[in-house]
Amino acid sequence: MVERKAWADKRAEIMDRPGAGAAYEAARLRFELGEAVRQRREELGLTQAELAERAGLKQPAVARFEAGGTMPTIPMLERLAEALEVRLNVQFQPLREAS
């Protein structure tokens, strides 16, 4: 019989692999950016297709972005910010303050 591991043990094992921390951080960033775009889009009452048209994108690209499936470039973020009627603010934070 195969012994099952607790999720915390499995996660610790995965996070100990080389590069896992950086990959996790990249995924977190993609998710948070996508979530922010989705929330703002919904505040404005826009569909994904409407946002895509405003930003010069296709609707599937907006859907992938909102789901955290793509890492955007700064020019793409600028286009989305303009389409969402917000200002893009990129900043660096010391690691001890970032969470």
N, C-alpha and C. Protein backbone atom coordinates (compact mmCIF):
# COMPACT_ATOMS: atom_id res chain seq x y z
N MET A 1 0.83 -1.17 0.00
CA MET A 1 0.00 0.00 0.00
C MET A 1 0.89 1.25 0.00
N VAL A 2 0.51 2.25 -0.79
CA VAL A 2 1.28 3.47 -0.91
C VAL A 2 0.90 4.43 0.22
N GLU A 3 1.92 4.95 0.88
CA GLU A 3 1.68 5.90 1.96
C GLU A 3 1.39 7.28 1.38
N ARG A 4 0.36 7.93 1.85
CA ARG A 4 -0.02 9.25 1.37
C ARG A 4 0.66 10.30 2.23
N LYS A 5 1.06 11.40 1.58
CA LYS A 5 1.70 12.50 2.29
C LYS A 5 0.68 13.59 2.57
N ALA A 6 0.86 14.29 3.66
CA ALA A 6 0.03 15.45 3.95
C ALA A 6 0.38 16.55 2.96
N TRP A 7 -0.60 17.40 2.66
CA TRP A 7 -0.38 18.49 1.70
C TRP A 7 0.80 19.36 2.12
N ALA A 8 0.91 19.70 3.38
CA ALA A 8 2.00 20.56 3.85
C ALA A 8 3.36 19.91 3.58
N ASP A 9 3.45 18.60 3.76
CA ASP A 9 4.71 17.89 3.49
C ASP A 9 5.02 17.89 1.99
N LYS A 10 3.99 17.63 1.19
CA LYS A 10 4.19 17.61 -0.27
C LYS A 10 4.59 18.99 -0.78
N ARG A 11 3.92 20.04 -0.27
CA ARG A 11 4.25 21.42 -0.67
C ARG A 11 5.69 21.75 -0.30
N ALA A 12 6.10 21.40 0.91
CA ALA A 12 7.47 21.67 1.36
C ALA A 12 8.48 20.96 0.46
N GLU A 13 8.17 19.73 0.08
CA GLU A 13 9.04 18.97 -0.81
C GLU A 13 9.17 19.66 -2.17
N ILE A 14 8.05 20.12 -2.71
CA ILE A 14 8.06 20.80 -4.01
C ILE A 14 8.81 22.13 -3.91
N MET A 15 8.57 22.89 -2.86
CA MET A 15 9.20 24.21 -2.72
C MET A 15 10.70 24.12 -2.46
N ASP A 16 11.17 22.96 -2.05
CA ASP A 16 12.61 22.77 -1.84
C ASP A 16 13.36 22.55 -3.15
N ARG A 17 12.65 22.31 -4.23
CA ARG A 17 13.31 22.09 -5.52
C ARG A 17 13.91 23.39 -6.03
N PRO A 18 15.04 23.30 -6.74
CA PRO A 18 15.66 24.52 -7.29
C PRO A 18 14.69 25.25 -8.23
N GLY A 19 14.57 26.55 -8.03
CA GLY A 19 13.73 27.37 -8.90
C GLY A 19 12.27 27.40 -8.52
N ALA A 20 11.86 26.58 -7.57
CA ALA A 20 10.44 26.51 -7.21
C ALA A 20 9.94 27.83 -6.62
N GLY A 21 10.76 28.46 -5.81
CA GLY A 21 10.36 29.73 -5.20
C GLY A 21 10.11 30.80 -6.24
N ALA A 22 10.99 30.88 -7.22
CA ALA A 22 10.84 31.87 -8.29
C ALA A 22 9.61 31.57 -9.13
N ALA A 23 9.37 30.31 -9.42
CA ALA A 23 8.19 29.94 -10.20
C ALA A 23 6.92 30.25 -9.45
N TYR A 24 6.91 29.99 -8.15
CA TYR A 24 5.75 30.29 -7.31
C TYR A 24 5.50 31.79 -7.30
N GLU A 25 6.54 32.58 -7.15
CA GLU A 25 6.41 34.04 -7.12
C GLU A 25 5.88 34.57 -8.45
N ALA A 26 6.35 34.03 -9.55
CA ALA A 26 5.87 34.45 -10.87
C ALA A 26 4.39 34.12 -11.03
N ALA A 27 3.99 32.95 -10.58
CA ALA A 27 2.58 32.56 -10.67
C ALA A 27 1.72 33.46 -9.80
N ARG A 28 2.21 33.80 -8.61
CA ARG A 28 1.47 34.70 -7.71
C ARG A 28 1.28 36.06 -8.36
N LEU A 29 2.33 36.56 -8.98
CA LEU A 29 2.25 37.86 -9.64
C LEU A 29 1.25 37.84 -10.80
N ARG A 30 1.31 36.79 -11.62
CA ARG A 30 0.36 36.67 -12.74
C ARG A 30 -1.08 36.63 -12.22
N PHE A 31 -1.31 35.86 -11.17
CA PHE A 31 -2.65 35.75 -10.60
C PHE A 31 -3.13 37.09 -10.07
N GLU A 32 -2.29 37.80 -9.32
CA GLU A 32 -2.69 39.07 -8.74
C GLU A 32 -2.96 40.13 -9.81
N LEU A 33 -2.15 40.17 -10.86
CA LEU A 33 -2.38 41.11 -11.95
C LEU A 33 -3.70 40.78 -12.66
N GLY A 34 -3.93 39.52 -12.94
CA GLY A 34 -5.17 39.11 -13.59
C GLY A 34 -6.39 39.43 -12.75
N GLU A 35 -6.29 39.20 -11.47
CA GLU A 35 -7.39 39.50 -10.55
C GLU A 35 -7.69 41.00 -10.52
N ALA A 36 -6.65 41.82 -10.50
CA ALA A 36 -6.84 43.28 -10.49
C ALA A 36 -7.53 43.75 -11.77
N VAL A 37 -7.12 43.20 -12.90
CA VAL A 37 -7.74 43.57 -14.18
C VAL A 37 -9.21 43.14 -14.20
N ARG A 38 -9.48 41.92 -13.76
CA ARG A 38 -10.86 41.44 -13.74
C ARG A 38 -11.74 42.29 -12.85
N GLN A 39 -11.25 42.63 -11.65
CA GLN A 39 -12.03 43.45 -10.73
C GLN A 39 -12.34 44.82 -11.33
N ARG A 40 -11.34 45.46 -11.93
CA ARG A 40 -11.55 46.78 -12.52
C ARG A 40 -12.50 46.68 -13.72
N ARG A 41 -12.33 45.66 -14.53
CA ARG A 41 -13.22 45.47 -15.68
C ARG A 41 -14.66 45.35 -15.21
N GLU A 42 -14.88 44.57 -14.17
CA GLU A 42 -16.23 44.40 -13.64
C GLU A 42 -16.76 45.69 -13.03
N GLU A 43 -15.91 46.47 -12.36
CA GLU A 43 -16.32 47.78 -11.83
C GLU A 43 -16.86 48.68 -12.93
N LEU A 44 -16.21 48.61 -14.09
CA LEU A 44 -16.61 49.43 -15.23
C LEU A 44 -17.79 48.83 -16.00
N GLY A 45 -18.19 47.62 -15.63
CA GLY A 45 -19.30 46.96 -16.30
C GLY A 45 -18.97 46.49 -17.70
N LEU A 46 -17.69 46.18 -17.92
CA LEU A 46 -17.24 45.74 -19.25
C LEU A 46 -17.19 44.22 -19.33
N THR A 47 -17.45 43.70 -20.51
CA THR A 47 -17.22 42.29 -20.78
C THR A 47 -15.75 42.12 -21.17
N GLN A 48 -15.29 40.89 -21.19
CA GLN A 48 -13.93 40.65 -21.66
C GLN A 48 -13.77 41.10 -23.10
N ALA A 49 -14.78 40.89 -23.92
CA ALA A 49 -14.71 41.30 -25.33
C ALA A 49 -14.61 42.82 -25.45
N GLU A 50 -15.35 43.54 -24.61
CA GLU A 50 -15.29 45.01 -24.65
C GLU A 50 -13.93 45.52 -24.21
N LEU A 51 -13.38 44.92 -23.16
CA LEU A 51 -12.04 45.31 -22.71
C LEU A 51 -11.02 45.00 -23.80
N ALA A 52 -11.14 43.84 -24.39
CA ALA A 52 -10.22 43.45 -25.46
C ALA A 52 -10.26 44.48 -26.59
N GLU A 53 -11.44 44.89 -26.99
CA GLU A 53 -11.55 45.87 -28.07
C GLU A 53 -10.90 47.19 -27.68
N ARG A 54 -11.14 47.64 -26.46
CA ARG A 54 -10.54 48.89 -25.99
C ARG A 54 -9.01 48.83 -25.97
N ALA A 55 -8.48 47.65 -25.63
CA ALA A 55 -7.03 47.48 -25.46
C ALA A 55 -6.34 46.99 -26.73
N GLY A 56 -7.11 46.74 -27.79
CA GLY A 56 -6.51 46.23 -29.01
C GLY A 56 -6.07 44.79 -28.90
N LEU A 57 -6.81 44.02 -28.12
CA LEU A 57 -6.50 42.60 -27.92
C LEU A 57 -7.67 41.76 -28.40
N LYS A 58 -7.53 40.46 -28.31
CA LYS A 58 -8.63 39.55 -28.59
C LYS A 58 -9.17 39.04 -27.25
N GLN A 59 -10.44 38.71 -27.22
CA GLN A 59 -11.09 38.29 -25.97
C GLN A 59 -10.38 37.11 -25.31
N PRO A 60 -9.94 36.08 -26.05
CA PRO A 60 -9.23 34.98 -25.37
C PRO A 60 -7.95 35.43 -24.66
N ALA A 61 -7.29 36.46 -25.19
CA ALA A 61 -6.08 36.97 -24.53
C ALA A 61 -6.44 37.60 -23.19
N VAL A 62 -7.56 38.31 -23.13
CA VAL A 62 -8.01 38.90 -21.87
C VAL A 62 -8.38 37.79 -20.90
N ALA A 63 -9.08 36.77 -21.36
CA ALA A 63 -9.47 35.65 -20.50
C ALA A 63 -8.23 34.96 -19.92
N ARG A 64 -7.23 34.68 -20.76
CA ARG A 64 -6.00 34.04 -20.27
C ARG A 64 -5.30 34.92 -19.24
N PHE A 65 -5.24 36.23 -19.53
CA PHE A 65 -4.59 37.16 -18.62
C PHE A 65 -5.30 37.18 -17.28
N GLU A 66 -6.63 37.30 -17.30
CA GLU A 66 -7.39 37.36 -16.05
C GLU A 66 -7.25 36.07 -15.23
N ALA A 67 -7.02 34.96 -15.89
CA ALA A 67 -6.86 33.68 -15.21
C ALA A 67 -5.43 33.47 -14.70
N GLY A 68 -4.54 34.42 -14.98
CA GLY A 68 -3.16 34.29 -14.54
C GLY A 68 -2.34 33.40 -15.45
N GLY A 69 -2.80 33.20 -16.68
CA GLY A 69 -2.14 32.29 -17.59
C GLY A 69 -1.00 32.87 -18.40
N THR A 70 -0.84 34.20 -18.37
CA THR A 70 0.25 34.81 -19.13
C THR A 70 0.94 35.88 -18.31
N MET A 71 2.23 36.03 -18.53
CA MET A 71 2.99 37.10 -17.88
C MET A 71 3.02 38.28 -18.85
N PRO A 72 2.41 39.39 -18.47
CA PRO A 72 2.30 40.52 -19.39
C PRO A 72 3.60 41.31 -19.51
N THR A 73 3.72 41.99 -20.63
CA THR A 73 4.82 42.94 -20.80
C THR A 73 4.35 44.29 -20.27
N ILE A 74 5.28 45.20 -20.07
CA ILE A 74 4.92 46.55 -19.63
C ILE A 74 4.02 47.22 -20.68
N PRO A 75 4.33 47.13 -21.99
CA PRO A 75 3.43 47.74 -22.96
C PRO A 75 2.00 47.18 -22.90
N MET A 76 1.88 45.88 -22.64
CA MET A 76 0.53 45.31 -22.53
C MET A 76 -0.18 45.86 -21.30
N LEU A 77 0.54 45.97 -20.19
CA LEU A 77 -0.06 46.54 -18.98
C LEU A 77 -0.48 47.98 -19.21
N GLU A 78 0.32 48.73 -19.96
CA GLU A 78 -0.04 50.11 -20.27
C GLU A 78 -1.32 50.18 -21.09
N ARG A 79 -1.46 49.29 -22.07
CA ARG A 79 -2.67 49.25 -22.89
C ARG A 79 -3.89 48.89 -22.05
N LEU A 80 -3.73 47.91 -21.17
CA LEU A 80 -4.83 47.53 -20.29
C LEU A 80 -5.19 48.66 -19.33
N ALA A 81 -4.19 49.31 -18.78
CA ALA A 81 -4.45 50.42 -17.85
C ALA A 81 -5.25 51.52 -18.54
N GLU A 82 -4.84 51.88 -19.74
CA GLU A 82 -5.57 52.92 -20.48
C GLU A 82 -7.00 52.47 -20.76
N ALA A 83 -7.17 51.23 -21.18
CA ALA A 83 -8.50 50.70 -21.47
C ALA A 83 -9.38 50.64 -20.23
N LEU A 84 -8.75 50.45 -19.07
CA LEU A 84 -9.47 50.36 -17.80
C LEU A 84 -9.59 51.71 -17.08
N GLU A 85 -9.07 52.76 -17.73
CA GLU A 85 -9.15 54.12 -17.19
C GLU A 85 -8.46 54.24 -15.84
N VAL A 86 -7.28 53.64 -15.76
CA VAL A 86 -6.46 53.72 -14.54
C VAL A 86 -5.03 54.03 -14.94
N ARG A 87 -4.24 54.41 -13.97
CA ARG A 87 -2.81 54.68 -14.18
C ARG A 87 -2.02 53.46 -13.75
N LEU A 88 -1.09 53.05 -14.59
CA LEU A 88 -0.21 51.94 -14.26
C LEU A 88 0.85 52.44 -13.29
N ASN A 89 1.04 51.71 -12.20
CA ASN A 89 2.03 52.07 -11.19
C ASN A 89 2.89 50.85 -10.93
N VAL A 90 4.14 50.89 -11.35
CA VAL A 90 5.07 49.79 -11.13
C VAL A 90 6.07 50.25 -10.08
N GLN A 91 6.29 49.43 -9.08
CA GLN A 91 7.22 49.82 -8.02
C GLN A 91 8.00 48.62 -7.51
N PHE A 92 9.10 48.91 -6.87
CA PHE A 92 9.90 47.89 -6.22
C PHE A 92 9.67 48.01 -4.72
N GLN A 93 9.56 46.85 -4.04
CA GLN A 93 9.40 46.82 -2.59
C GLN A 93 10.47 45.91 -2.01
N PRO A 94 11.01 46.29 -0.86
CA PRO A 94 11.94 45.37 -0.20
C PRO A 94 11.22 44.05 0.09
N LEU A 95 11.91 42.94 -0.02
CA LEU A 95 11.29 41.64 0.19
C LEU A 95 10.62 41.50 1.54
N ARG A 96 11.17 42.10 2.54
CA ARG A 96 10.58 41.95 3.87
C ARG A 96 9.23 42.66 3.98
N GLU A 97 8.96 43.63 3.08
CA GLU A 97 7.67 44.33 3.09
C GLU A 97 6.68 43.70 2.12
N ALA A 98 7.14 43.01 1.12
CA ALA A 98 6.27 42.42 0.10
C ALA A 98 5.65 41.14 0.66
N SER A 99 4.38 40.95 0.36
CA SER A 99 3.74 39.69 0.78
C SER A 99 2.57 39.37 -0.09
